[in-house]
Amino acid sequence: MRGKKVWGVGAAAFLVGAGVMFAATVLVDDDAKVTVRPESATNADDMPRTREGLIAAWTAELRKAGREKPDGWRTLTTAEIRDRYLSQYFINAPDAEDIDPGMARRD
């Protein structure tokens, strides 16, 4: 008799668990959620895709810094120009002190 009792308790537990799972899936809200993609430091949509675009953007960033393109820049690969553009872009980025001069530092 004891074996039947164990099987009965096991079957009852299984049915209760199945009922809870069914109720949980029915009650879950299946509506689509609105999500927002975080912006990156340099928005990927703003990144020039062509060599000419990268050269123009790099030149503009160099002008902001009061610099000119280095001699022999034409021999640089597109990847090297992209790297130099990004480097200059981040160098030209404002510091926290420039954005909010009165903000106290927290260490």
N, C-alpha and C. Protein backbone atom coordinates (compact mmCIF):
# COMPACT_ATOMS: atom_id res chain seq x y z
N MET A 1 0.80 -1.19 0.00
CA MET A 1 0.00 0.00 0.00
C MET A 1 0.85 1.27 0.00
N ARG A 2 2.01 1.16 0.57
CA ARG A 2 2.88 2.32 0.67
C ARG A 2 3.35 2.81 -0.70
N GLY A 3 3.67 1.94 -1.63
CA GLY A 3 4.12 2.29 -2.97
C GLY A 3 3.06 3.05 -3.74
N LYS A 4 1.80 2.63 -3.57
CA LYS A 4 0.71 3.33 -4.26
C LYS A 4 0.54 4.74 -3.71
N LYS A 5 0.77 4.90 -2.41
CA LYS A 5 0.64 6.21 -1.79
C LYS A 5 1.72 7.17 -2.32
N VAL A 6 2.96 6.66 -2.46
CA VAL A 6 4.05 7.47 -3.00
C VAL A 6 3.74 7.88 -4.43
N TRP A 7 3.26 6.96 -5.22
CA TRP A 7 2.90 7.26 -6.61
C TRP A 7 1.75 8.26 -6.66
N GLY A 8 0.82 8.16 -5.77
CA GLY A 8 -0.31 9.09 -5.72
C GLY A 8 0.14 10.51 -5.38
N VAL A 9 1.05 10.60 -4.37
CA VAL A 9 1.57 11.91 -3.99
C VAL A 9 2.39 12.50 -5.14
N GLY A 10 3.18 11.68 -5.79
CA GLY A 10 3.99 12.14 -6.93
C GLY A 10 3.11 12.63 -8.07
N ALA A 11 2.06 11.88 -8.38
CA ALA A 11 1.14 12.28 -9.46
C ALA A 11 0.42 13.57 -9.10
N ALA A 12 0.02 13.71 -7.83
CA ALA A 12 -0.66 14.93 -7.40
C ALA A 12 0.28 16.13 -7.50
N ALA A 13 1.53 15.94 -7.08
CA ALA A 13 2.50 17.03 -7.17
C ALA A 13 2.74 17.42 -8.62
N PHE A 14 2.80 16.43 -9.50
CA PHE A 14 2.99 16.71 -10.92
C PHE A 14 1.82 17.51 -11.48
N LEU A 15 0.60 17.12 -11.13
CA LEU A 15 -0.58 17.82 -11.62
C LEU A 15 -0.65 19.25 -11.07
N VAL A 16 -0.28 19.43 -9.81
CA VAL A 16 -0.27 20.78 -9.24
C VAL A 16 0.77 21.64 -9.95
N GLY A 17 1.95 21.08 -10.19
CA GLY A 17 3.00 21.82 -10.90
C GLY A 17 2.57 22.17 -12.31
N ALA A 18 1.96 21.23 -13.00
CA ALA A 18 1.49 21.49 -14.36
C ALA A 18 0.42 22.57 -14.35
N GLY A 19 -0.46 22.55 -13.35
CA GLY A 19 -1.50 23.57 -13.24
C GLY A 19 -0.91 24.96 -12.99
N VAL A 20 0.10 25.02 -12.14
CA VAL A 20 0.76 26.29 -11.86
C VAL A 20 1.45 26.81 -13.12
N MET A 21 2.14 25.96 -13.85
CA MET A 21 2.81 26.37 -15.08
C MET A 21 1.80 26.87 -16.12
N PHE A 22 0.67 26.17 -16.24
CA PHE A 22 -0.36 26.59 -17.18
C PHE A 22 -0.91 27.96 -16.80
N ALA A 23 -1.20 28.15 -15.51
CA ALA A 23 -1.72 29.43 -15.04
C ALA A 23 -0.70 30.55 -15.27
N ALA A 24 0.57 30.26 -15.06
CA ALA A 24 1.61 31.27 -15.24
C ALA A 24 1.72 31.67 -16.71
N THR A 25 1.64 30.71 -17.61
CA THR A 25 1.75 31.06 -19.03
C THR A 25 0.52 31.80 -19.53
N VAL A 26 -0.63 31.52 -18.95
CA VAL A 26 -1.85 32.22 -19.37
C VAL A 26 -1.84 33.65 -18.85
N LEU A 27 -1.33 33.86 -17.65
CA LEU A 27 -1.36 35.17 -17.03
C LEU A 27 -0.25 36.10 -17.49
N VAL A 28 0.78 35.57 -18.14
CA VAL A 28 1.89 36.40 -18.59
C VAL A 28 1.43 37.30 -19.72
N ASP A 29 1.83 38.59 -19.65
CA ASP A 29 1.46 39.56 -20.67
C ASP A 29 2.34 39.34 -21.90
N ASP A 30 1.72 39.01 -23.02
CA ASP A 30 2.47 38.73 -24.24
C ASP A 30 2.59 39.94 -25.15
N ASP A 31 2.13 41.12 -24.70
CA ASP A 31 2.24 42.31 -25.53
C ASP A 31 3.70 42.66 -25.75
N ALA A 32 3.97 43.23 -26.90
CA ALA A 32 5.35 43.63 -27.22
C ALA A 32 5.77 44.77 -26.31
N LYS A 33 6.97 44.71 -25.85
CA LYS A 33 7.52 45.75 -24.99
C LYS A 33 8.33 46.73 -25.83
N VAL A 34 8.27 47.99 -25.49
CA VAL A 34 9.05 49.01 -26.18
C VAL A 34 10.43 49.02 -25.54
N THR A 35 11.43 48.88 -26.36
CA THR A 35 12.80 48.92 -25.86
C THR A 35 13.54 50.04 -26.55
N VAL A 36 14.52 50.57 -25.88
CA VAL A 36 15.32 51.65 -26.43
C VAL A 36 16.76 51.20 -26.46
N ARG A 37 17.38 51.34 -27.59
CA ARG A 37 18.78 50.97 -27.73
C ARG A 37 19.64 52.09 -27.16
N PRO A 38 20.60 51.77 -26.31
CA PRO A 38 21.45 52.82 -25.75
C PRO A 38 22.34 53.43 -26.83
N GLU A 39 22.57 54.72 -26.68
CA GLU A 39 23.46 55.38 -27.62
C GLU A 39 24.90 55.09 -27.25
N SER A 40 25.70 54.92 -28.25
CA SER A 40 27.12 54.68 -28.00
C SER A 40 27.86 56.01 -28.00
N ALA A 41 29.13 55.96 -27.63
CA ALA A 41 29.93 57.18 -27.58
C ALA A 41 29.98 57.85 -28.95
N THR A 42 30.21 57.07 -29.98
CA THR A 42 30.09 57.60 -31.33
C THR A 42 28.96 56.81 -31.97
N ASN A 43 27.93 57.49 -32.32
CA ASN A 43 26.77 56.83 -32.90
C ASN A 43 27.20 56.15 -34.20
N ALA A 44 26.94 54.87 -34.30
CA ALA A 44 27.38 54.10 -35.47
C ALA A 44 26.77 54.63 -36.76
N ASP A 45 25.59 55.25 -36.67
CA ASP A 45 24.97 55.80 -37.87
C ASP A 45 25.70 57.04 -38.35
N ASP A 46 26.42 57.73 -37.47
CA ASP A 46 27.14 58.93 -37.84
C ASP A 46 28.54 58.63 -38.37
N MET A 47 29.01 57.42 -38.20
CA MET A 47 30.35 57.04 -38.64
C MET A 47 30.39 56.99 -40.16
N PRO A 48 31.30 57.76 -40.76
CA PRO A 48 31.42 57.70 -42.22
C PRO A 48 31.77 56.28 -42.68
N ARG A 49 31.22 55.88 -43.79
CA ARG A 49 31.41 54.52 -44.29
C ARG A 49 32.44 54.44 -45.42
N THR A 50 32.68 55.55 -46.08
CA THR A 50 33.60 55.54 -47.21
C THR A 50 34.93 56.18 -46.82
N ARG A 51 35.96 55.91 -47.61
CA ARG A 51 37.27 56.52 -47.37
C ARG A 51 37.18 58.04 -47.45
N GLU A 52 36.46 58.53 -48.45
CA GLU A 52 36.33 59.97 -48.62
C GLU A 52 35.61 60.59 -47.42
N GLY A 53 34.57 59.92 -46.95
CA GLY A 53 33.85 60.41 -45.78
C GLY A 53 34.71 60.43 -44.53
N LEU A 54 35.52 59.38 -44.36
CA LEU A 54 36.43 59.32 -43.21
C LEU A 54 37.48 60.43 -43.28
N ILE A 55 38.00 60.68 -44.48
CA ILE A 55 39.00 61.74 -44.65
C ILE A 55 38.38 63.09 -44.31
N ALA A 56 37.16 63.33 -44.79
CA ALA A 56 36.49 64.61 -44.52
C ALA A 56 36.23 64.77 -43.01
N ALA A 57 35.77 63.72 -42.36
CA ALA A 57 35.49 63.80 -40.92
C ALA A 57 36.78 63.97 -40.13
N TRP A 58 37.82 63.25 -40.52
CA TRP A 58 39.12 63.36 -39.84
C TRP A 58 39.68 64.77 -39.99
N THR A 59 39.58 65.32 -41.22
CA THR A 59 40.05 66.68 -41.47
C THR A 59 39.31 67.69 -40.61
N ALA A 60 37.99 67.51 -40.48
CA ALA A 60 37.19 68.42 -39.66
C ALA A 60 37.62 68.35 -38.19
N GLU A 61 37.86 67.14 -37.69
CA GLU A 61 38.29 66.99 -36.30
C GLU A 61 39.68 67.59 -36.09
N LEU A 62 40.56 67.43 -37.08
CA LEU A 62 41.89 68.03 -36.97
C LEU A 62 41.81 69.55 -36.95
N ARG A 63 40.92 70.11 -37.77
CA ARG A 63 40.76 71.57 -37.80
C ARG A 63 40.26 72.09 -36.46
N LYS A 64 39.36 71.35 -35.81
CA LYS A 64 38.88 71.75 -34.49
C LYS A 64 40.03 71.84 -33.50
N ALA A 65 41.01 70.96 -33.67
CA ALA A 65 42.16 70.94 -32.77
C ALA A 65 43.27 71.89 -33.24
N GLY A 66 43.07 72.55 -34.39
CA GLY A 66 44.08 73.46 -34.91
C GLY A 66 45.25 72.72 -35.53
N ARG A 67 45.01 71.56 -36.08
CA ARG A 67 46.07 70.76 -36.68
C ARG A 67 45.76 70.50 -38.14
N GLU A 68 46.75 70.01 -38.84
CA GLU A 68 46.62 69.64 -40.25
C GLU A 68 46.91 68.14 -40.39
N LYS A 69 46.50 67.60 -41.53
CA LYS A 69 46.83 66.20 -41.80
C LYS A 69 48.34 66.04 -41.91
N PRO A 70 48.86 64.93 -41.42
CA PRO A 70 50.31 64.73 -41.48
C PRO A 70 50.78 64.46 -42.91
N ASP A 71 52.05 64.73 -43.15
CA ASP A 71 52.63 64.40 -44.46
C ASP A 71 52.51 62.90 -44.69
N GLY A 72 52.23 62.52 -45.91
CA GLY A 72 52.13 61.10 -46.25
C GLY A 72 50.82 60.46 -45.82
N TRP A 73 49.82 61.26 -45.49
CA TRP A 73 48.56 60.70 -45.04
C TRP A 73 47.86 59.89 -46.13
N ARG A 74 48.17 60.18 -47.39
CA ARG A 74 47.53 59.46 -48.50
C ARG A 74 47.92 57.98 -48.54
N THR A 75 49.05 57.63 -47.93
CA THR A 75 49.48 56.23 -47.93
C THR A 75 48.83 55.42 -46.81
N LEU A 76 48.08 56.09 -45.94
CA LEU A 76 47.40 55.38 -44.85
C LEU A 76 46.26 54.53 -45.41
N THR A 77 46.04 53.41 -44.80
CA THR A 77 44.91 52.57 -45.20
C THR A 77 43.63 53.19 -44.65
N THR A 78 42.50 52.73 -45.16
CA THR A 78 41.22 53.23 -44.68
C THR A 78 41.05 52.92 -43.19
N ALA A 79 41.49 51.76 -42.75
CA ALA A 79 41.40 51.40 -41.33
C ALA A 79 42.26 52.34 -40.47
N GLU A 80 43.44 52.69 -40.96
CA GLU A 80 44.30 53.62 -40.21
C GLU A 80 43.67 55.01 -40.14
N ILE A 81 43.05 55.45 -41.23
CA ILE A 81 42.38 56.75 -41.22
C ILE A 81 41.21 56.71 -40.25
N ARG A 82 40.44 55.62 -40.24
CA ARG A 82 39.33 55.47 -39.30
C ARG A 82 39.84 55.54 -37.86
N ASP A 83 40.95 54.85 -37.57
CA ASP A 83 41.53 54.87 -36.23
C ASP A 83 41.97 56.27 -35.83
N ARG A 84 42.61 56.97 -36.75
CA ARG A 84 43.07 58.33 -36.44
C ARG A 84 41.90 59.29 -36.27
N TYR A 85 40.86 59.10 -37.08
CA TYR A 85 39.66 59.93 -36.94
C TYR A 85 39.03 59.72 -35.56
N LEU A 86 38.85 58.45 -35.17
CA LEU A 86 38.25 58.17 -33.87
C LEU A 86 39.11 58.69 -32.73
N SER A 87 40.41 58.53 -32.86
CA SER A 87 41.32 59.03 -31.83
C SER A 87 41.17 60.54 -31.68
N GLN A 88 41.16 61.26 -32.80
CA GLN A 88 41.02 62.71 -32.74
C GLN A 88 39.64 63.11 -32.25
N TYR A 89 38.63 62.35 -32.62
CA TYR A 89 37.25 62.61 -32.16
C TYR A 89 37.19 62.56 -30.64
N PHE A 90 37.80 61.54 -30.04
CA PHE A 90 37.78 61.41 -28.59
C PHE A 90 38.68 62.44 -27.91
N ILE A 91 39.77 62.82 -28.55
CA ILE A 91 40.63 63.86 -28.00
C ILE A 91 39.88 65.20 -27.97
N ASN A 92 39.08 65.47 -29.00
CA ASN A 92 38.33 66.72 -29.09
C ASN A 92 37.08 66.73 -28.21
N ALA A 93 36.69 65.58 -27.68
CA ALA A 93 35.47 65.51 -26.86
C ALA A 93 35.64 66.39 -25.62
N PRO A 94 34.56 67.04 -25.19
CA PRO A 94 34.69 67.92 -24.03
C PRO A 94 34.92 67.12 -22.75
N ASP A 95 35.67 67.73 -21.84
CA ASP A 95 35.89 67.13 -20.53
C ASP A 95 34.68 67.39 -19.65
N ALA A 96 34.57 66.65 -18.57
CA ALA A 96 33.47 66.86 -17.64
C ALA A 96 33.49 68.28 -17.08
N GLU A 97 34.68 68.80 -16.84
CA GLU A 97 34.81 70.16 -16.31
C GLU A 97 34.27 71.18 -17.32
N ASP A 98 34.43 70.91 -18.62
CA ASP A 98 33.90 71.82 -19.64
C ASP A 98 32.37 71.74 -19.71
N ILE A 99 31.83 70.57 -19.45
CA ILE A 99 30.39 70.38 -19.54
C ILE A 99 29.70 71.02 -18.33
N ASP A 100 30.24 70.78 -17.13
CA ASP A 100 29.64 71.31 -15.91
C ASP A 100 30.74 71.80 -14.98
N PRO A 101 31.17 73.04 -15.16
CA PRO A 101 32.31 73.55 -14.39
C PRO A 101 32.11 73.57 -12.88
N GLY A 102 30.87 73.70 -12.41
CA GLY A 102 30.64 73.80 -10.98
C GLY A 102 30.49 72.47 -10.27
N MET A 103 30.58 71.41 -10.99
CA MET A 103 30.35 70.09 -10.39
C MET A 103 31.56 69.66 -9.57
N ALA A 104 31.32 69.28 -8.32
CA ALA A 104 32.41 68.84 -7.45
C ALA A 104 32.76 67.40 -7.76
N ARG A 105 34.03 67.10 -7.67
CA ARG A 105 34.48 65.72 -7.91
C ARG A 105 34.19 64.84 -6.72
N ARG A 106 33.78 63.65 -7.00
CA ARG A 106 33.54 62.66 -5.94
C ARG A 106 34.60 61.58 -6.08
N ASP A 107 35.38 61.42 -5.07
CA ASP A 107 36.43 60.40 -5.12
C ASP A 107 36.08 59.23 -4.26
